[in-house]
């Protein structure tokens, strides 16, 4: 029922080379999130692309921002909403993120809403309440009126070399799924976004509630990203 999605978030980095590993596949979804400067090049080259961020308002006095309608006109099919680095660096609140998701859906763009806890929040035993509050904000603005995806980011595992154990990641993914509207529960993809690499992706993607990966560092290395995609393809029955 849920087709696996492998997403490469290039963050504020130059476009990798060569690009062969990043093209669409028929058996799983492969999406890349370049910087705004590289989006047009990647779209024109035939890649399935998303923006790393877009403002909830279409236009206005928001220097340095870009609207959902603008990325739609460019050819973006996806957008990240509330990545942990945006929440930390730009003080994006749960309400800001939910507004972005709703704006994306209104423009026919598929939002990937990022949720997750910090190391301190986990050590305090608050990981589920933090994630539940992030999901609840989506309900407040009726974001589940259309289809979206969720990316679970254990913030303590991003760029630190740490990775959640597959069983721990699965527990959180199952918890997130339990929070979703009943009519969206079995069709919503929930991605793992905490340092997925070739050596751990099979164990993670084999979990019943993990439907793909939002990949940072490994997505900048074509060989590693290609390996992850190939492993995801080999697990295609999990997503059918």
Foldseek 3Di string as FASTA:
>chain_A
DFAFEAEEEADPDDAAPPCVLQAADPLHGGEYEDAPVCVLVCVVVHHAYEHADAFLDCDDPDPPGHHLLVVVVSPHQEYEFPDVCCCVVVVQDLLRRLSRLQSNVVSNHAYAYEFFDEPVCVVVVNTLVRRLVSVVSNVVVVSVPDAHEYEYEHVNQAPPVDDDDLVVVLVNLVSVLVSDDPVCSVHHAYAYEGADWLVCLLSNCPRLRHRYYHHYPLSSPSVGSSSSVVSSSVVSVSRD
